[in-house]
C-alpha atoms as a PDB file:
ATOM      1  CA  MET A   1      -6.228  -6.772   4.008  1.00  0.00           C
ATOM      2  CA  LYS A   2      -5.514  -6.890   0.266  1.00  0.00           C
ATOM      3  CA  ASN A   3      -3.764  -3.531   0.639  1.00  0.00           C
ATOM      4  CA  LEU A   4      -1.513  -4.991   3.344  1.00  0.00           C
ATOM      5  CA  PHE A   5      -0.368  -7.651   0.852  1.00  0.00           C
ATOM      6  CA  GLU A   6       0.354  -4.824  -1.603  1.00  0.00           C
ATOM      7  CA  ALA A   7       2.494  -3.092   1.021  1.00  0.00           C
ATOM      8  CA  GLY A   8       4.370  -6.356   1.599  1.00  0.00           C
ATOM      9  CA  LYS A   9       5.001  -6.666  -2.122  1.00  0.00           C
ATOM     10  CA  LEU A  10       6.446  -3.150  -2.210  1.00  0.00           C
ATOM     11  CA  LEU A  11       8.742  -3.930   0.724  1.00  0.00           C
ATOM     12  CA  LEU A  12       9.901  -7.069  -1.087  1.00  0.00           C
ATOM     13  CA  LEU A  13      10.665  -5.017  -4.213  1.00  0.00           C
ATOM     14  CA  ASP A  14      12.627  -2.558  -2.075  1.00  0.00           C
ATOM     15  CA  MET A  15      14.722  -5.451  -0.789  1.00  0.00           C
ATOM     16  CA  ALA A  16      15.071  -7.142  -4.201  1.00  0.00           C
ATOM     17  CA  ALA A  17      18.697  -6.057  -4.716  1.00  0.00           C
ATOM     18  CA  THR A  18      19.702  -7.481  -1.343  1.00  0.00           C
ATOM     19  CA  LEU A  19      17.834 -10.727  -1.991  1.00  0.00           C
ATOM     20  CA  PHE A  20      19.403 -10.932  -5.457  1.00  0.00           C
ATOM     21  CA  PHE A  21      22.849 -10.406  -3.892  1.00  0.00           C
ATOM     22  CA  LEU A  22      22.116 -13.178  -1.411  1.00  0.00           C
ATOM     23  CA  VAL A  23      21.016 -15.715  -4.022  1.00  0.00           C
ATOM     24  CA  LEU A  24      23.996 -14.946  -6.274  1.00  0.00           C
ATOM     25  CA  TYR A  25      26.430 -15.137  -3.382  1.00  0.00           C
ATOM     26  CA  LEU A  26      25.048 -18.501  -2.249  1.00  0.00           C
ATOM     27  CA  LEU A  27      25.283 -19.832  -5.805  1.00  0.00           C
ATOM     28  CA  THR A  28      28.697 -18.417  -6.749  1.00  0.00           C
ATOM     29  CA  HIS A  29      30.448 -17.560  -3.435  1.00  0.00           C
ATOM     30  CA  ASN A  30      31.781 -14.545  -5.352  1.00  0.00           C
ATOM     31  CA  VAL A  31      31.334 -11.383  -3.295  1.00  0.00           C
ATOM     32  CA  THR A  32      32.353  -8.978  -6.057  1.00  0.00           C
ATOM     33  CA  LEU A  33      30.059 -10.447  -8.712  1.00  0.00           C
ATOM     34  CA  SER A  34      27.135 -10.671  -6.301  1.00  0.00           C
ATOM     35  CA  VAL A  35      27.533  -7.115  -5.021  1.00  0.00           C
ATOM     36  CA  VAL A  36      28.026  -5.539  -8.457  1.00  0.00           C
ATOM     37  CA  LEU A  37      24.993  -7.309  -9.927  1.00  0.00           C
ATOM     38  CA  GLY A  38      22.927  -6.469  -6.812  1.00  0.00           C
ATOM     39  CA  MET A  39      23.877  -2.800  -7.219  1.00  0.00           C
ATOM     40  CA  MET A  40      23.026  -2.948 -10.921  1.00  0.00           C
ATOM     41  CA  LEU A  41      19.595  -4.388 -10.103  1.00  0.00           C
ATOM     42  CA  GLY A  42      18.986  -1.514  -7.665  1.00  0.00           C
ATOM     43  CA  LEU A  43      19.891   1.014 -10.365  1.00  0.00           C
ATOM     44  CA  ALA A  44      17.801  -0.867 -12.952  1.00  0.00           C
ATOM     45  CA  GLN A  45      14.730  -0.721 -10.697  1.00  0.00           C
ATOM     46  CA  ILE A  46      14.977   3.083 -10.484  1.00  0.00           C
ATOM     47  CA  GLY A  47      15.716   3.304 -14.216  1.00  0.00           C
ATOM     48  CA  TRP A  48      12.613   1.215 -14.941  1.00  0.00           C
ATOM     49  CA  GLN A  49      10.492   3.605 -12.872  1.00  0.00           C
ATOM     50  CA  PHE A  50      11.880   6.577 -14.823  1.00  0.00           C
ATOM     51  CA  ALA A  51      11.348   4.814 -18.168  1.00  0.00           C
ATOM     52  CA  ARG A  52       7.703   4.175 -17.253  1.00  0.00           C
ATOM     53  CA  ARG A  53       7.391   7.791 -16.039  1.00  0.00           C
ATOM     54  CA  LYS A  54       6.333   6.551 -12.619  1.00  0.00           C
ATOM     55  CA  PRO A  55       7.271   8.449  -9.482  1.00  0.00           C
ATOM     56  CA  VAL A  56      10.088   7.035  -7.388  1.00  0.00           C
ATOM     57  CA  ASP A  57       9.028   7.100  -3.760  1.00  0.00           C
ATOM     58  CA  THR A  58      11.254   7.815  -0.786  1.00  0.00           C
ATOM     59  CA  MET A  59      11.587   4.176   0.234  1.00  0.00           C
ATOM     60  CA  GLN A  60      12.863   3.246  -3.231  1.00  0.00           C
ATOM     61  CA  TRP A  61      15.479   6.010  -3.157  1.00  0.00           C
ATOM     62  CA  MET A  62      16.518   5.002   0.339  1.00  0.00           C
ATOM     63  CA  SER A  63      16.804   1.363  -0.704  1.00  0.00           C
ATOM     64  CA  LEU A  64      18.948   2.320  -3.706  1.00  0.00           C
ATOM     65  CA  PHE A  65      21.308   4.455  -1.606  1.00  0.00           C
ATOM     66  CA  LEU A  66      21.605   1.664   0.964  1.00  0.00           C
ATOM     67  CA  VAL A  67      22.397  -0.861  -1.774  1.00  0.00           C
ATOM     68  CA  LEU A  68      24.980   1.433  -3.336  1.00  0.00           C
ATOM     69  CA  GLY A  69      26.517   2.393   0.019  1.00  0.00           C
ATOM     70  CA  ALA A  70      26.570  -1.113   1.497  1.00  0.00           C
ATOM     71  CA  GLY A  71      27.687  -2.517  -1.848  1.00  0.00           C
ATOM     72  CA  THR A  72      30.575  -0.075  -2.141  1.00  0.00           C
ATOM     73  CA  VAL A  73      31.783  -0.809   1.388  1.00  0.00           C
ATOM     74  CA  THR A  74      31.408  -4.544   0.713  1.00  0.00           C
ATOM     75  CA  LEU A  75      33.543  -4.216  -2.441  1.00  0.00           C
ATOM     76  CA  ILE A  76      36.226  -2.205  -0.641  1.00  0.00           C
ATOM     77  CA  THR A  77      36.408  -4.577   2.343  1.00  0.00           C
ATOM     78  CA  ASP A  78      35.491  -7.833   0.539  1.00  0.00           C
ATOM     79  CA  ASP A  79      33.126  -8.485   3.457  1.00  0.00           C
ATOM     80  CA  PRO A  80      29.506  -9.474   2.634  1.00  0.00           C
ATOM     81  CA  ARG A  81      28.298  -8.497   6.130  1.00  0.00           C
ATOM     82  CA  PHE A  82      27.729  -4.932   4.968  1.00  0.00           C
ATOM     83  CA  MET A  83      25.137  -6.129   2.462  1.00  0.00           C
ATOM     84  CA  MET A  84      23.732  -8.508   5.075  1.00  0.00           C
ATOM     85  CA  THR A  85      23.060  -5.649   7.506  1.00  0.00           C
ATOM     86  CA  LYS A  86      21.062  -3.589   4.982  1.00  0.00           C
ATOM     87  CA  PRO A  87      17.734  -5.263   5.891  1.00  0.00           C
ATOM     88  CA  SER A  88      18.223  -4.069   9.490  1.00  0.00           C
ATOM     89  CA  VAL A  89      18.270  -0.457   8.314  1.00  0.00           C
ATOM     90  CA  ILE A  90      15.119  -0.997   6.272  1.00  0.00           C
ATOM     91  CA  TYR A  91      13.389  -2.742   9.183  1.00  0.00           C
ATOM     92  CA  VAL A  92      14.210   0.181  11.496  1.00  0.00           C
ATOM     93  CA  ILE A  93      12.912   2.745   9.009  1.00  0.00           C
ATOM     94  CA  VAL A  94       9.721   0.749   8.423  1.00  0.00           C
ATOM     95  CA  GLY A  95       9.344   0.318  12.196  1.00  0.00           C
ATOM     96  CA  VAL A  96       9.625   4.069  12.730  1.00  0.00           C
ATOM     97  CA  VAL A  97       7.021   4.719  10.015  1.00  0.00           C
ATOM     98  CA  MET A  98       4.737   2.170  11.684  1.00  0.00           C
ATOM     99  CA  LEU A  99       4.910   4.145  14.932  1.00  0.00           C
ATOM    100  CA  LYS A 100       2.598   6.695  13.317  1.00  0.00           C
ATOM    101  CA  ARG A 101      -0.735   6.335  15.068  1.00  0.00           C
ATOM    102  CA  GLY A 102      -3.349   4.755  12.800  1.00  0.00           C
ATOM    103  CA  TRP A 103      -1.032   3.909   9.887  1.00  0.00           C
ATOM    104  CA  LEU A 104      -2.767   0.535   9.535  1.00  0.00           C
ATOM    105  CA  ASN A 105      -6.188   2.124   8.930  1.00  0.00           C
ATOM    106  CA  ARG A 106      -5.401   2.791   5.277  1.00  0.00           C
ATOM    107  CA  TYR A 107      -5.045  -0.964   4.719  1.00  0.00           C
ATOM    108  CA  LEU A 108      -8.357  -1.866   6.355  1.00  0.00           C
ATOM    109  CA  PRO A 109     -11.841  -1.973   4.841  1.00  0.00           C
ATOM    110  CA  PRO A 110     -14.066   0.978   5.805  1.00  0.00           C
ATOM    111  CA  ILE A 111     -16.188  -1.130   8.178  1.00  0.00           C
ATOM    112  CA  ALA A 112     -13.099  -2.083  10.221  1.00  0.00           C
ATOM    113  CA  VAL A 113     -11.933   1.530  10.349  1.00  0.00           C
ATOM    114  CA  GLU A 114     -15.377   2.501  11.615  1.00  0.00           C
ATOM    115  CA  LEU A 115     -15.699  -0.272  14.212  1.00  0.00           C
ATOM    116  CA  VAL A 116     -12.168  -0.887  15.502  1.00  0.00           C
ATOM    117  CA  PRO A 117      -9.838   2.069  14.866  1.00  0.00           C
ATOM    118  CA  ASP A 118      -8.439   1.717  18.406  1.00  0.00           C
ATOM    119  CA  VAL A 119      -7.627  -1.969  17.876  1.00  0.00           C
ATOM    120  CA  ALA A 120      -5.964  -1.135  14.551  1.00  0.00           C
ATOM    121  CA  VAL A 121      -3.700   1.366  16.347  1.00  0.00           C
ATOM    122  CA  ILE A 122      -2.575  -1.309  18.818  1.00  0.00           C
ATOM    123  CA  VAL A 123      -2.041  -3.841  16.029  1.00  0.00           C
ATOM    124  CA  GLY A 124      -0.065  -1.197  14.107  1.00  0.00           C
ATOM    125  CA  TYR A 125       2.231  -0.744  17.111  1.00  0.00           C
ATOM    126  CA  ALA A 126       2.655  -4.527  17.308  1.00  0.00           C
ATOM    127  CA  TRP A 127       3.794  -4.504  13.656  1.00  0.00           C
ATOM    128  CA  SER A 128       6.265  -1.755  14.496  1.00  0.00           C
ATOM    129  CA  GLY A 129       7.623  -3.823  17.377  1.00  0.00           C
ATOM    130  CA  LEU A 130       8.056  -6.772  15.037  1.00  0.00           C
ATOM    131  CA  MET A 131      10.056  -4.592  12.639  1.00  0.00           C
ATOM    132  CA  PHE A 132      12.392  -3.411  15.420  1.00  0.00           C
ATOM    133  CA  PHE A 133      12.841  -6.957  16.694  1.00  0.00           C
ATOM    134  CA  SER A 134      13.550  -8.139  13.118  1.00  0.00           C
ATOM    135  CA  ALA A 135      16.159  -5.393  12.686  1.00  0.00           C
ATOM    136  CA  ALA A 136      17.949  -6.428  15.887  1.00  0.00           C
ATOM    137  CA  LEU A 137      17.796 -10.133  15.035  1.00  0.00           C
ATOM    138  CA  ASN A 138      19.104  -9.543  11.507  1.00  0.00           C
ATOM    139  CA  LEU A 139      21.996  -7.473  12.845  1.00  0.00           C
ATOM    140  CA  ILE A 140      22.929 -10.119  15.431  1.00  0.00           C
ATOM    141  CA  VAL A 141      22.808 -12.947  12.892  1.00  0.00           C
ATOM    142  CA  ALA A 142      24.597 -10.950  10.151  1.00  0.00           C
ATOM    143  CA  LEU A 143      27.470  -9.976  12.424  1.00  0.00           C
ATOM    144  CA  ASN A 144      27.931 -13.343  14.118  1.00  0.00           C
ATOM    145  CA  PHE A 145      27.251 -16.009  11.494  1.00  0.00           C
ATOM    146  CA  ASP A 146      28.239 -16.884   7.927  1.00  0.00           C
ATOM    147  CA  VAL A 147      26.172 -15.983   4.879  1.00  0.00           C
ATOM    148  CA  GLY A 148      24.557 -19.416   4.641  1.00  0.00           C
ATOM    149  CA  THR A 149      23.370 -19.381   8.263  1.00  0.00           C
ATOM    150  CA  TRP A 150      22.219 -15.775   7.952  1.00  0.00           C
ATOM    151  CA  SER A 151      20.263 -16.455   4.759  1.00  0.00           C
ATOM    152  CA  ALA A 152      18.546 -19.570   6.119  1.00  0.00           C
ATOM    153  CA  THR A 153      17.735 -17.998   9.483  1.00  0.00           C
ATOM    154  CA  MET A 154      16.478 -14.675   8.179  1.00  0.00           C
ATOM    155  CA  SER A 155      14.577 -16.191   5.244  1.00  0.00           C
ATOM    156  CA  ILE A 156      12.673 -18.630   7.435  1.00  0.00           C
ATOM    157  CA  TYR A 157      12.194 -16.091  10.215  1.00  0.00           C
ATOM    158  CA  GLY A 158      11.112 -13.385   7.752  1.00  0.00           C
ATOM    159  CA  ILE A 159       8.423 -15.511   6.138  1.00  0.00           C
ATOM    160  CA  VAL A 160       7.149 -17.143   9.335  1.00  0.00           C
ATOM    161  CA  SER A 161       7.130 -13.981  11.473  1.00  0.00           C
ATOM    162  CA  LYS A 162       5.360 -11.823   8.883  1.00  0.00           C
ATOM    163  CA  ALA A 163       2.827 -14.546   8.042  1.00  0.00           C
ATOM    164  CA  ALA A 164       2.122 -15.149  11.735  1.00  0.00           C
ATOM    165  CA  MET A 165       1.762 -11.415  12.425  1.00  0.00           C
ATOM    166  CA  PHE A 166      -0.553 -11.037   9.440  1.00  0.00           C
ATOM    167  CA  LEU A 167      -2.777 -13.886  10.634  1.00  0.00           C
ATOM    168  CA  ILE A 168      -2.792 -12.608  14.212  1.00  0.00           C
ATOM    169  CA  SER A 169      -3.589  -9.071  13.020  1.00  0.00           C
ATOM    170  CA  TYR A 170      -6.390 -10.254  10.785  1.00  0.00           C
ATOM    171  CA  THR A 171      -7.870 -12.507  13.482  1.00  0.00           C
ATOM    172  CA  VAL A 172      -7.719  -9.883  16.235  1.00  0.00           C
ATOM    173  CA  ILE A 173      -9.147  -7.072  14.108  1.00  0.00           C
ATOM    174  CA  ARG A 174     -11.900  -9.298  12.706  1.00  0.00           C
ATOM    175  CA  ALA A 175     -12.846 -10.706  16.129  1.00  0.00           C
ATOM    176  CA  PHE A 176     -13.156  -7.250  17.680  1.00  0.00           C
ATOM    177  CA  ALA A 177     -15.040  -5.910  14.650  1.00  0.00           C
ATOM    178  CA  VAL A 178     -17.535  -8.793  14.672  1.00  0.00           C
ATOM    179  CA  ALA A 179     -18.075  -8.470  18.444  1.00  0.00           C
ATOM    180  CA  ARG A 180     -18.637  -4.720  18.225  1.00  0.00           C
ATOM    181  CA  LYS A 181     -20.924  -5.070  15.236  1.00  0.00           C
ATOM    182  CA  ARG A 182     -23.039  -7.596  17.123  1.00  0.00           C
ATOM    183  CA  ARG A 183     -23.128  -5.399  20.195  1.00  0.00           C
ATOM    184  CA  LEU A 184     -24.168  -2.371  18.136  1.00  0.00           C
ATOM    185  CA  ALA A 185     -26.839  -4.401  16.368  1.00  0.00           C
ATOM    186  CA  GLY A 186     -28.100  -5.802  19.671  1.00  0.00           C
ATOM    187  CA  VAL A 187     -27.321  -9.354  18.629  1.00  0.00           C
ATOM    188  CA  ARG A 188     -26.073 -11.593  21.404  1.00  0.00           C
ATOM    189  CA  PRO A 189     -23.286 -14.111  20.767  1.00  0.00           C
ATOM    190  CA  ARG A 190     -24.593 -17.693  20.391  1.00  0.00           C
ATOM    191  CA  ASP A 191     -23.070 -18.877  23.659  1.00  0.00           C
ATOM    192  CA  ALA A 192     -24.539 -16.046  25.742  1.00  0.00           C
ATOM    193  CA  ALA A 193     -27.128 -16.926  28.393  1.00  0.00           C
ATOM    194  CA  PRO A 194     -30.726 -16.220  27.369  1.00  0.00           C
ATOM    195  CA  MET A 195     -32.112 -12.866  28.454  1.00  0.00           C
ATOM    196  CA  PRO A 196     -34.676 -13.019  31.270  1.00  0.00           C
ATOM    197  CA  SER A 197     -38.240 -12.251  30.140  1.00  0.00           C
END
């Protein structure tokens, strides 16, 4: 599951410009300053990758173009909702990627992949569903509420929903893996009735 945390960290980095915009906007209430500095952070992230001679993956490019596009429209219209809707686009894209059968297997230890690949597929689809739901919720809140309400709602929801899904995923996969390992080893669960002699 360590790899799943790594994936979460990468998603957070992809959304850094939007989060930076949000924090600046809440502190300054200046749309122009917040958007321009958010766009500059997006460009700086890509520049940093180039300076370190690291490859820039597709998600990073997509995030940059979304920041630049949403930021430009926000500057033209003086409406922060365009930046607020960017996470919905990212959630949808991540949700689509998570529809790939077995995507979660690369984040699991080899024993889990061996014992519960079918369970991991179902859990992977559940993660995808969460991403689509998050995209819809973000869009509804961004288009109907002010920046303060949006930031509080989506920040709390984002942390709680992902943490809950992680714990549920871990618990379900582990429970099925332990049960199957016991069954394969011929070990009965402690609460099972004794075998007749």
